[in-house]
């Protein structure tokens, strides 16, 4: 697939969509505060180029990027019990 001329823009677009519509929603407000890319995209007039470059990196590297989270929403989850 990578040899196809249309592949790079499709996979980059998929990563961008995932980050925007799924990944951010998985983060707690505290994690969002600490997310550098989220901060840069919010501060930019147009965050698409920043997100596009990040997505190209995510496609090319598997250096420990975290793509899924599990958040414990039970009322007693933060009580230390």
Protein backbone atom coordinates (compact mmCIF):
# COMPACT_ATOMS: atom_id res chain seq x y z
CA UNK A 1 0.00 0.00 0.00
CA UNK A 2 2.77 2.44 0.86
CA UNK A 3 3.88 2.34 -2.78
CA UNK A 4 0.57 3.76 -3.96
CA UNK A 5 0.80 7.50 -4.75
CA UNK A 6 -2.31 8.30 -2.71
CA UNK A 7 -1.31 6.37 0.44
CA UNK A 8 0.61 9.02 2.38
CA UNK A 9 -2.18 11.61 2.35
CA UNK A 10 -4.77 8.99 3.28
CA UNK A 11 -2.84 7.66 6.28
CA UNK A 12 -1.84 11.15 7.41
CA UNK A 13 -5.47 12.25 7.13
CA UNK A 14 -6.53 9.21 9.13
CA UNK A 15 -4.07 10.01 11.92
CA UNK A 16 -5.18 13.65 11.94
CA UNK A 17 -8.85 12.66 12.18
CA UNK A 18 -8.17 10.15 14.92
CA UNK A 19 -6.19 12.67 16.97
CA UNK A 20 -8.89 15.30 16.65
CA UNK A 21 -12.03 13.22 17.09
CA UNK A 22 -10.92 10.34 19.32
CA UNK A 23 -7.56 10.87 21.00
CA UNK A 24 -8.35 14.27 22.51
CA UNK A 25 -11.63 12.95 23.88
CA UNK A 26 -9.75 10.19 25.68
CA UNK A 27 -7.60 12.64 27.61
CA UNK A 28 -8.44 14.06 30.98
CA UNK A 29 -8.45 17.86 31.36
CA UNK A 30 -5.12 17.59 33.20
CA UNK A 31 -3.58 15.54 30.39
CA UNK A 32 -4.85 18.08 27.84
CA UNK A 33 -3.14 20.87 29.78
CA UNK A 34 0.15 18.99 29.49
CA UNK A 35 -0.17 18.04 25.82
CA UNK A 36 2.27 20.18 23.85
CA UNK A 37 0.74 19.51 20.42
CA UNK A 38 -2.74 20.33 21.71
CA UNK A 39 -1.43 23.64 23.07
CA UNK A 40 0.35 24.52 19.81
CA UNK A 41 -2.68 23.67 17.67
CA UNK A 42 -4.97 25.75 19.89
CA UNK A 43 -2.60 28.73 19.77
CA UNK A 44 -2.10 28.61 16.00
CA UNK A 45 -4.25 30.56 13.56
CA UNK A 46 -4.36 27.35 11.51
CA UNK A 47 -3.33 24.21 13.36
CA UNK A 48 -3.67 21.94 10.32
CA UNK A 49 -0.02 22.22 9.20
CA UNK A 50 1.19 21.39 12.73
CA UNK A 51 -1.13 18.42 12.96
CA UNK A 52 -0.20 17.31 9.44
CA UNK A 53 3.51 17.21 10.34
CA UNK A 54 2.79 15.34 13.57
CA UNK A 55 0.69 12.80 11.66
CA UNK A 56 3.50 12.24 9.16
CA UNK A 57 5.82 11.56 12.11
CA UNK A 58 3.34 9.14 13.69
CA UNK A 59 3.15 7.22 10.43
CA UNK A 60 6.92 7.04 10.01
CA UNK A 61 7.92 6.28 13.61
CA UNK A 62 6.81 3.88 16.27
CA UNK A 63 8.78 5.43 19.10
CA UNK A 64 6.37 4.75 21.90
CA UNK A 65 3.50 7.01 20.92
CA UNK A 66 0.46 6.32 23.04
CA UNK A 67 -2.79 5.98 21.13
CA UNK A 68 -5.21 4.56 23.64
CA UNK A 69 -6.16 5.29 27.20
CA UNK A 70 -8.26 3.76 29.88
CA UNK A 71 -9.79 6.20 32.31
CA UNK A 72 -11.38 4.83 35.47
CA UNK A 73 -14.59 6.82 35.98
CA UNK A 74 -15.79 5.06 39.09
CA UNK A 75 -16.66 7.52 41.87
CA UNK A 76 -14.08 5.97 44.21
CA UNK A 77 -11.30 5.68 41.59
CA UNK A 78 -9.35 8.69 42.86
CA UNK A 79 -9.90 8.07 46.54
CA UNK A 80 -6.93 5.70 46.85
CA UNK A 81 -9.14 2.80 47.96
